[in-house]
Amino acid sequence: MPGINVQQAVNAAVAHVNTFPDLMPTANVRLEEFEYDEQIDEWKITLSFAEMGQTLVGTPRNFKTFLIDGTNGHVKSMKIRSPFAART
């Protein structure tokens, strides 16, 4: 059982994004996926962002996956994820 729940893990990922407003779009962030790994007590959170300055429906989106420590909510990593990548 994780120390933090999915809402806390998502909030940690979004807060991390908000610390880099000049490097990542901070408007129009959307939760795409979440997954909890009991073996290593870690959340995998995937967020998407509209291209810089775009807010229209159908606008291309960028995807980032965050690994969040399940005990304390610290962001362990952030990676670019292609929506077309093979699932493992």
Protein backbone atom coordinates (compact mmCIF):
# COMPACT_ATOMS: atom_id res chain seq x y z
CA MET A 1 0.00 0.00 0.00
CA PRO A 2 1.50 3.35 -1.02
CA GLY A 3 2.09 6.14 1.47
CA ILE A 4 0.55 8.59 -1.00
CA ASN A 5 -2.55 8.13 -3.12
CA VAL A 6 -2.97 8.74 -6.85
CA GLN A 7 -4.27 12.29 -6.37
CA GLN A 8 -1.17 13.19 -4.34
CA ALA A 9 1.09 11.60 -6.96
CA VAL A 10 -0.60 13.56 -9.76
CA ASN A 11 -0.37 16.77 -7.73
CA ALA A 12 3.36 16.14 -7.21
CA ALA A 13 3.89 15.74 -10.97
CA VAL A 14 1.90 18.90 -11.78
CA ALA A 15 3.74 20.87 -9.07
CA HIS A 16 7.03 19.73 -10.62
CA VAL A 17 5.91 21.00 -14.03
CA ASN A 18 4.93 24.34 -12.49
CA THR A 19 8.49 24.85 -11.22
CA PHE A 20 9.66 25.18 -14.85
CA PRO A 21 7.24 27.68 -16.44
CA ASP A 22 9.84 28.92 -18.96
CA LEU A 23 10.73 25.41 -20.11
CA MET A 24 7.39 23.59 -20.17
CA PRO A 25 3.87 24.77 -20.93
CA THR A 26 2.04 25.03 -17.63
CA ALA A 27 -1.42 25.75 -19.05
CA ASN A 28 -3.69 23.07 -20.41
CA VAL A 29 -2.05 20.18 -18.51
CA ARG A 30 -4.06 16.96 -18.72
CA LEU A 31 -3.74 13.67 -16.85
CA GLU A 32 -3.40 10.83 -19.36
CA GLU A 33 -2.39 7.74 -17.38
CA PHE A 34 -1.40 6.56 -13.93
CA GLU A 35 -0.04 3.29 -12.64
CA TYR A 36 1.18 2.10 -9.24
CA ASP A 37 4.02 -0.46 -8.93
CA GLU A 38 3.75 -2.25 -5.57
CA GLN A 39 7.14 -3.95 -5.96
CA ILE A 40 9.07 -0.67 -5.87
CA ASP A 41 6.42 1.59 -4.25
CA GLU A 42 6.35 4.00 -7.17
CA TRP A 43 3.71 5.87 -9.16
CA LYS A 44 4.05 6.38 -12.91
CA ILE A 45 2.09 9.47 -13.93
CA THR A 46 1.72 10.57 -17.57
CA LEU A 47 0.68 14.15 -18.26
CA SER A 48 0.13 15.83 -21.60
CA PHE A 49 0.53 19.47 -22.57
CA ALA A 50 -0.75 21.44 -25.55
CA GLU A 51 1.97 22.85 -27.77
CA MET A 52 3.22 26.21 -26.48
CA GLY A 53 0.52 28.86 -26.82
CA GLN A 54 -2.09 26.46 -28.23
CA THR A 55 -5.40 25.74 -26.51
CA LEU A 56 -7.65 24.57 -29.34
CA VAL A 57 -9.18 21.10 -29.42
CA GLY A 58 -7.12 18.85 -31.67
CA THR A 59 -3.89 20.74 -31.02
CA PRO A 60 -0.85 18.43 -30.90
CA ARG A 61 0.13 17.46 -27.37
CA ASN A 62 3.45 16.61 -25.74
CA PHE A 63 3.55 13.74 -23.23
CA LYS A 64 5.79 13.39 -20.18
CA THR A 65 5.96 10.50 -17.73
CA PHE A 66 6.89 11.14 -14.11
CA LEU A 67 8.06 8.54 -11.60
CA ILE A 68 6.88 9.52 -8.12
CA ASP A 69 8.16 7.94 -4.90
CA GLY A 70 5.18 6.21 -3.31
CA THR A 71 6.30 6.89 0.25
CA ASN A 72 7.05 10.61 0.16
CA GLY A 73 5.74 11.98 -3.16
CA HIS A 74 9.13 13.14 -4.43
CA VAL A 75 9.59 13.24 -8.20
CA LYS A 76 12.27 10.69 -9.09
CA SER A 77 12.36 11.27 -12.84
CA MET A 78 10.64 12.86 -15.80
CA LYS A 79 10.84 11.51 -19.35
CA ILE A 80 9.36 12.41 -22.71
CA ARG A 81 6.86 9.79 -23.83
CA SER A 82 5.69 9.28 -27.36
CA PRO A 83 1.98 8.46 -27.55
CA PHE A 84 2.92 5.96 -30.28
CA ALA A 85 5.63 4.12 -28.29
CA ALA A 86 5.24 0.40 -27.73
CA ARG A 87 3.70 -0.39 -24.34
CA THR A 88 5.63 -2.60 -21.92
